[in-house]
Every structure is written in structure tokens, then in C-alpha cells.
Amino acid sequence: MIKRVLQNNFSLLNVDYVKLTEKWDYHNVISPYYRIYYIDGGSGEVSDQTQRLQLEAGYLYIIPSFTLCNLHCTGYLSQYFVQFFEESVDGVSLFAQRRTVSKIKASPLDVDLFKRLLEINPGRGINRSDDPKVYEKNIFYREYQELNNRQNLASYLETQGIILQLTGRLLGQQLSSRQEMPSTPVKIAETVSYILVNLHNELSVTALATRVNQHPDYFSRLFKTFTGERPVTYILGKRIERAQYLLATSQLSYSEIATRTGFDNLSYFSKSFKKITGMSPGAYKKQVYKVGFTL
């Protein structure tokens, strides 16, 4: 029998039931957290860089973290939603191979899971004030982190279980559309973990290859085989993802974020950030604030 240890867990941000209007209309959204929606009325649309999906009653949708997307309500839309951060022991996201929006037909159990999630996590919605000083994002992140810490063990475990079930249902849809990747070699998996905890340091291909006793060219080809990207491209992407997370959850200056994510100077950081996300760090920070906290 194969024994598998789950490497991923989740940190709840928001869960709520809301009724939306045409004001729910956002473009080029990239968030450092996941969104799962269950639509129970009305209609809308969600799109990523490769597809456009109708938001319709009776379906579940997932938007993985760091997925560029557009959100639109065509007049009226009611939905249950949950937003959460993913944490991974090995630093590899469940959706690392395919960060796209997915849609599946909801079951009665899915609806019950959302209702139960709301029941054991009261007061975790977004709109609780019209005053921007009250719902300033960094304050809210700290508040929700504290709420997670205060949660009793039974509710915490049940919350984790529900998010896992909902995520698993939608991950299955992703996996069914592609072949499973072969098992990642230990040296590559260990290198990925090393990269993710050392993003603030210099990370050359030669140094990474030397750590695992491989020739740089062979190491680079092997790395691409199992991650889909060359080491330099992968490292840059992860640095920008970390920067997105810090922009959304902290009040660090752009220079401090650049330093913490391994960029030599602010100019190179800003240029790289815009190249990958399509917007400047400042524009991204404003976008996360607007979309993440004003449904």
C-alpha cells in the first residue's frame, strides 16, 4: 500500500455568502491567495489568460493563487465564497503545474460544506464597514491571522478538512485534463525547497547544481523536465510571487520587498514585477486592496 503524506495546508482568510451587482467588475486580478466560489443564483463571468467561463448557478469554481484573471457580474450574482492562503512543506503548490480557473458541477455535499464552513467561522466576511480606515488591508490580514490562532482545535481541523475537500474536488478536474507528472527526483525536490527559503540570497544555476553534485547543463535540463521551467525563470517567478504576497500582507516599502526577494535594486525589481504581472508594484498593491476587500 502506498503511504502519502500531505504536504499542503491552508490558512483561512475570508468565507461568506454575498449578493453582487454589476459593480463586481475587476480586470487583471492577481491575488496571493486562492478563491473558491459556489454560485447559487444569477450569472457572471470569470476568465484567465486561456479561457472564459460563465459563472452559473449550481457550479463550483476555483481561482488558484497567482492566477491572472478577470471577474464580472452581468447584473446579479449570489455566491458562497472562501479565500485562503496555501502553505506547503516542500514549497510546491497543488496547482503549480496549471494555474488556471476550473469549474465543476456542485453536489449537495459541496453546498453543505460551505454552509458548515460559515457556521464554524462566523464574522469572516469582507464588507463590515464603508470606512477605508476600518477595512485597511494589513489590519484585516492581521485580524484574520489572529482569528485563526484563536480557533479551537476541533474547528481548526474541521475548517482544514472542508477546504481540503473543496480543493480536492476542483484539483481532480485539473488533473483529469493532463497526464500525471512522473515522481520528482529527490535532488530537484530538495533544490526547490532550498530556493523557496533562500529567495533573498543569490541563487546561481552553477551554485545550485554544485549543491547536488550535478553539471549545470544537466541540472538545468532535469530541473525543467520536472518543474516546466529553467532554474533562472523559476527563481524569478517565485521571487515575484513572494513579492506579491508581501505587497498584499505587509506595509514594507518597495525597497524592503525588493531586498527580501533577492533583487539587487528597486529598478530591476519594478521592471521584473511589471514584466511578469503586467502592472507595477504600486498598481498591484492598489488592485489587491480594491478587489480583495470590496466585493
Protein backbone atom coordinates (compact mmCIF):
# COMPACT_ATOMS: atom_id res chain seq x y z
CA MET A 1 0.00 0.00 0.00
CA ILE A 2 1.28 3.48 -0.91
CA LYS A 3 1.55 5.83 2.05
CA ARG A 4 1.25 9.50 1.13
CA VAL A 5 1.97 12.39 3.49
CA LEU A 6 0.03 15.56 2.76
CA GLN A 7 2.47 18.45 2.29
CA ASN A 8 -0.10 21.26 1.98
CA ASN A 9 -2.29 23.07 4.48
CA PHE A 10 -4.42 26.20 4.35
CA SER A 11 -4.86 29.43 6.28
CA LEU A 12 -8.41 30.79 6.12
CA LEU A 13 -8.80 34.40 5.10
CA ASN A 14 -12.49 35.00 4.34
CA VAL A 15 -15.67 32.98 3.98
CA ASP A 16 -19.10 34.47 3.34
CA TYR A 17 -22.31 34.49 1.32
CA VAL A 18 -22.82 37.63 -0.78
CA LYS A 19 -25.16 39.12 -3.38
CA LEU A 20 -23.33 41.08 -6.06
CA THR A 21 -24.26 43.63 -8.71
CA GLU A 22 -22.61 44.93 -11.87
CA LYS A 23 -20.17 46.83 -9.61
CA TRP A 24 -18.38 43.49 -9.23
CA ASP A 25 -16.25 44.07 -12.31
CA TYR A 26 -12.48 43.70 -11.98
CA HIS A 27 -9.75 43.17 -14.56
CA ASN A 28 -6.20 41.79 -14.42
CA VAL A 29 -6.58 40.47 -10.88
CA ILE A 30 -3.65 38.54 -9.40
CA SER A 31 -4.02 37.56 -5.74
CA PRO A 32 -1.62 35.70 -3.43
CA TYR A 33 -4.48 33.58 -2.10
CA TYR A 34 -7.00 31.09 -3.50
CA ARG A 35 -10.67 31.77 -4.22
CA ILE A 36 -13.40 29.12 -4.39
CA TYR A 37 -16.94 30.14 -5.39
CA TYR A 38 -20.24 28.30 -5.27
CA ILE A 39 -22.81 30.16 -7.36
CA ASP A 40 -26.44 29.76 -6.30
CA GLY A 41 -28.11 32.50 -8.35
CA GLY A 42 -27.65 35.00 -11.16
CA SER A 43 -24.83 34.98 -13.68
CA GLY A 44 -21.39 36.37 -14.33
CA GLU A 45 -18.08 35.58 -15.93
CA VAL A 46 -14.54 34.69 -14.92
CA SER A 47 -11.65 34.45 -17.35
CA ASP A 48 -7.92 33.78 -17.24
CA GLN A 49 -5.28 34.03 -19.95
CA THR A 50 -6.52 30.94 -21.78
CA GLN A 51 -10.28 30.67 -21.29
CA ARG A 52 -13.55 32.39 -20.38
CA LEU A 53 -16.04 30.63 -18.10
CA GLN A 54 -19.63 31.56 -17.35
CA LEU A 55 -20.47 31.84 -13.66
CA GLU A 56 -23.74 29.98 -13.36
CA ALA A 57 -25.88 28.59 -10.57
CA GLY A 58 -25.09 25.09 -9.36
CA TYR A 59 -21.35 25.15 -10.11
CA LEU A 60 -18.10 25.37 -8.15
CA TYR A 61 -15.17 27.47 -9.38
CA ILE A 62 -11.59 27.79 -8.17
CA ILE A 63 -9.07 30.53 -8.92
CA PRO A 64 -5.63 29.34 -7.75
CA SER A 65 -3.26 31.82 -6.14
CA PHE A 66 -1.21 33.98 -8.54
CA THR A 67 -3.61 33.32 -11.43
CA LEU A 68 -4.23 36.35 -13.64
CA CYS A 69 -8.00 36.66 -14.14
CA ASN A 70 -10.98 38.94 -14.79
CA LEU A 71 -14.20 38.94 -12.73
CA HIS A 72 -17.55 40.24 -13.94
CA CYS A 73 -21.19 40.23 -12.83
CA THR A 74 -23.77 40.64 -15.60
CA GLY A 75 -26.36 42.25 -13.33
CA TYR A 76 -26.97 39.99 -10.37
CA LEU A 77 -24.90 37.21 -8.82
CA SER A 78 -25.19 35.43 -5.48
CA GLN A 79 -22.38 33.24 -4.24
CA TYR A 80 -20.75 31.48 -1.36
CA PHE A 81 -17.02 32.09 -1.38
CA VAL A 82 -13.92 31.17 0.58
CA GLN A 83 -10.49 32.79 0.29
CA PHE A 84 -7.42 31.15 1.79
CA PHE A 85 -3.63 31.00 1.69
CA GLU A 86 -1.81 27.80 0.78
CA GLU A 87 1.24 26.69 2.73
CA SER A 88 3.44 23.83 1.57
CA VAL A 89 6.19 21.92 3.34
CA ASP A 90 8.14 21.49 0.10
CA GLY A 91 7.12 24.85 -1.34
CA VAL A 92 5.26 23.29 -4.26
CA SER A 93 1.67 24.41 -4.81
CA LEU A 94 -1.07 21.87 -5.54
CA PHE A 95 -1.77 23.89 -8.70
CA ALA A 96 1.86 24.57 -9.62
CA GLN A 97 1.57 22.77 -12.95
CA ARG A 98 -1.60 24.53 -14.12
CA ARG A 99 -2.68 27.82 -12.59
CA THR A 100 -5.98 28.20 -14.41
CA VAL A 101 -9.62 28.66 -13.39
CA SER A 102 -11.59 25.40 -13.06
CA LYS A 103 -15.33 24.70 -12.97
CA ILE A 104 -17.30 21.62 -11.90
CA LYS A 105 -20.92 20.80 -11.19
CA ALA A 106 -21.59 21.19 -7.47
CA SER A 107 -23.07 18.42 -5.35
CA PRO A 108 -25.43 18.80 -2.38
CA LEU A 109 -22.45 17.95 -0.15
CA ASP A 110 -20.47 20.89 -1.56
CA VAL A 111 -23.28 23.26 -0.58
CA ASP A 112 -23.46 21.75 2.90
CA LEU A 113 -19.69 22.13 3.26
CA PHE A 114 -19.90 25.86 2.51
CA LYS A 115 -22.75 26.31 4.99
CA ARG A 116 -20.81 24.43 7.66
CA LEU A 117 -17.68 26.49 6.96
CA LEU A 118 -19.72 29.64 7.54
CA GLU A 119 -21.24 28.20 10.71
CA ILE A 120 -17.90 27.42 12.38
CA ASN A 121 -16.21 30.61 11.12
CA PRO A 122 -18.62 33.46 11.89
CA GLY A 123 -17.64 37.04 11.15
CA ARG A 124 -15.13 36.13 8.46
CA GLY A 125 -16.72 38.12 5.64
CA ILE A 126 -15.18 41.11 3.87
CA ASN A 127 -17.62 44.01 3.94
CA ARG A 128 -18.10 45.09 7.53
CA SER A 129 -17.57 48.83 7.09
CA ASP A 130 -17.70 51.52 4.41
CA ASP A 131 -14.78 53.37 6.01
CA PRO A 132 -11.45 52.58 4.28
CA LYS A 133 -9.64 53.30 7.55
CA VAL A 134 -11.56 50.43 9.11
CA TYR A 135 -11.03 47.85 6.39
CA GLU A 136 -7.42 48.76 5.53
CA LYS A 137 -5.98 45.52 4.27
CA ASN A 138 -2.96 44.99 6.51
CA ILE A 139 -5.16 45.40 9.57
CA PHE A 140 -7.56 42.81 8.21
CA TYR A 141 -4.83 40.28 7.43
CA ARG A 142 -3.50 40.56 10.97
CA GLU A 143 -7.03 40.23 12.33
CA TYR A 144 -7.80 37.07 10.40
CA GLN A 145 -4.47 35.53 11.31
CA GLU A 146 -5.30 36.17 14.94
CA LEU A 147 -8.77 34.65 14.48
CA ASN A 148 -7.14 31.51 13.07
CA ASN A 149 -4.83 31.35 16.08
CA ARG A 150 -7.79 31.67 18.47
CA GLN A 151 -9.82 28.97 16.77
CA ASN A 152 -10.24 25.87 18.90
CA LEU A 153 -8.59 22.68 17.64
CA ALA A 154 -11.84 20.99 16.59
CA SER A 155 -12.97 23.96 14.47
CA TYR A 156 -9.47 24.40 13.03
CA LEU A 157 -9.28 20.76 11.93
CA GLU A 158 -12.81 20.86 10.50
CA THR A 159 -12.02 24.06 8.61
CA GLN A 160 -8.89 22.46 7.16
CA GLY A 161 -10.88 19.36 6.21
CA ILE A 162 -13.60 21.33 4.43
CA ILE A 163 -11.14 23.44 2.43
CA LEU A 164 -9.24 20.26 1.55
CA GLN A 165 -12.43 18.59 0.31
CA LEU A 166 -13.45 21.55 -1.82
CA THR A 167 -9.94 21.99 -3.18
CA GLY A 168 -9.61 18.28 -3.86
CA ARG A 169 -12.83 18.25 -5.87
CA LEU A 170 -11.55 21.03 -8.10
CA LEU A 171 -7.98 19.72 -8.26
CA GLY A 172 -9.40 16.48 -9.65
CA GLN A 173 -10.79 18.47 -12.56
CA GLN A 174 -7.34 19.92 -13.21
CA LEU A 175 -5.63 16.52 -13.06
CA SER A 176 -8.15 14.91 -15.41
CA SER A 177 -7.14 17.35 -18.14
CA ARG A 178 -3.44 16.44 -18.07
CA GLN A 179 -1.24 13.41 -17.54
CA GLU A 180 0.33 12.95 -14.14
CA MET A 181 3.95 14.08 -13.96
CA PRO A 182 6.48 11.39 -13.03
CA SER A 183 7.84 11.48 -9.49
CA THR A 184 10.23 14.35 -8.93
CA PRO A 185 13.82 13.28 -8.19
CA VAL A 186 14.93 13.96 -4.63
CA LYS A 187 17.67 16.35 -5.77
CA ILE A 188 15.20 18.51 -7.70
CA ALA A 189 12.59 18.49 -4.89
CA GLU A 190 15.28 19.45 -2.38
CA THR A 191 16.52 22.22 -4.69
CA VAL A 192 13.02 23.66 -4.99
CA SER A 193 12.72 23.77 -1.20
CA TYR A 194 16.16 25.38 -0.94
CA ILE A 195 15.20 28.04 -3.49
CA LEU A 196 12.00 28.95 -1.69
CA VAL A 197 13.71 29.56 1.65
CA ASN A 198 16.63 31.43 0.08
CA LEU A 199 14.91 33.81 -2.33
CA HIS A 200 16.62 36.74 -0.61
CA ASN A 201 20.06 35.32 -1.41
CA GLU A 202 21.98 34.98 -4.67
CA LEU A 203 20.87 31.83 -6.48
CA SER A 204 23.01 30.96 -9.49
CA VAL A 205 22.47 27.83 -11.59
CA THR A 206 26.10 26.83 -11.06
CA ALA A 207 25.79 27.06 -7.28
CA LEU A 208 22.51 25.13 -7.24
CA ALA A 209 23.97 22.40 -9.46
CA THR A 210 27.09 22.15 -7.27
CA ARG A 211 24.91 21.64 -4.18
CA VAL A 212 23.52 18.43 -5.69
CA ASN A 213 26.74 17.33 -7.42
CA GLN A 214 25.49 17.76 -10.99
CA HIS A 215 26.81 19.53 -14.06
CA PRO A 216 24.99 22.87 -14.56
CA ASP A 217 23.72 21.96 -18.04
CA TYR A 218 22.39 18.56 -16.95
CA PHE A 219 20.91 20.06 -13.79
CA SER A 220 19.16 22.80 -15.76
CA ARG A 221 17.62 20.29 -18.21
CA LEU A 222 16.50 17.99 -15.38
CA PHE A 223 15.04 20.92 -13.45
CA LYS A 224 12.98 21.98 -16.47
CA THR A 225 11.73 18.44 -17.01
CA PHE A 226 10.15 18.31 -13.56
CA THR A 227 9.17 21.93 -12.98
CA GLY A 228 8.40 23.05 -16.53
CA GLU A 229 10.88 25.94 -16.31
CA ARG A 230 14.60 26.59 -16.39
CA PRO A 231 16.04 27.43 -12.95
CA VAL A 232 16.54 31.14 -13.72
CA THR A 233 12.93 31.53 -14.92
CA TYR A 234 11.58 29.54 -11.97
CA ILE A 235 13.55 31.58 -9.43
CA LEU A 236 12.38 34.87 -10.91
CA GLY A 237 8.76 33.70 -10.87
CA LYS A 238 8.97 32.65 -7.23
CA ARG A 239 10.59 35.93 -6.27
CA ILE A 240 7.74 37.84 -7.86
CA GLU A 241 5.16 35.59 -6.17
CA ARG A 242 6.81 36.28 -2.80
CA ALA A 243 6.78 40.00 -3.59
CA GLN A 244 3.06 39.82 -4.41
CA TYR A 245 2.41 38.18 -1.05
CA LEU A 246 4.40 40.84 0.82
CA LEU A 247 2.69 43.67 -1.08
CA ALA A 248 -0.71 42.28 -0.07
CA THR A 249 0.03 41.39 3.54
CA SER A 250 2.59 43.88 4.82
CA GLN A 251 3.44 47.56 4.95
CA LEU A 252 7.06 47.08 3.87
CA SER A 253 8.44 49.65 1.45
CA TYR A 254 9.08 48.63 -2.15
CA SER A 255 12.83 48.76 -1.48
CA GLU A 256 12.49 46.45 1.52
CA ILE A 257 10.41 44.00 -0.50
CA ALA A 258 12.97 44.09 -3.32
CA THR A 259 15.73 43.24 -0.84
CA ARG A 260 13.73 40.44 0.81
CA THR A 261 13.03 38.82 -2.55
CA GLY A 262 16.60 38.88 -3.86
CA PHE A 263 16.64 41.87 -6.21
CA ASP A 264 19.78 43.99 -6.31
CA ASN A 265 17.94 47.26 -6.80
CA LEU A 266 14.46 48.74 -6.90
CA SER A 267 14.60 49.49 -10.62
CA TYR A 268 15.26 45.85 -11.56
CA PHE A 269 12.58 44.69 -9.12
CA SER A 270 9.96 47.05 -10.59
CA LYS A 271 10.87 46.12 -14.17
CA SER A 272 10.73 42.37 -13.43
CA PHE A 273 7.48 42.70 -11.49
CA LYS A 274 5.75 44.50 -14.35
CA LYS A 275 7.11 42.06 -16.93
CA ILE A 276 5.56 39.08 -15.11
CA THR A 277 2.35 40.56 -13.68
CA GLY A 278 1.63 43.22 -16.28
CA MET A 279 1.49 46.00 -13.68
CA SER A 280 3.80 47.99 -11.44
CA PRO A 281 4.18 47.07 -7.74
CA GLY A 282 2.15 50.16 -6.83
CA ALA A 283 -0.68 49.29 -9.20
CA TYR A 284 -0.70 45.72 -7.91
CA LYS A 285 -0.96 46.87 -4.30
CA LYS A 286 -3.96 49.06 -5.15
CA GLN A 287 -5.61 46.24 -7.11
CA VAL A 288 -5.33 43.71 -4.29
CA TYR A 289 -6.76 46.24 -1.85
CA LYS A 290 -9.76 47.03 -4.08
CA VAL A 291 -10.62 43.50 -5.25
CA GLY A 292 -9.70 41.62 -2.10
CA PHE A 293 -11.75 43.76 0.28
CA THR A 294 -14.63 45.22 -1.68
CA LEU A 295 -16.87 42.53 -3.09
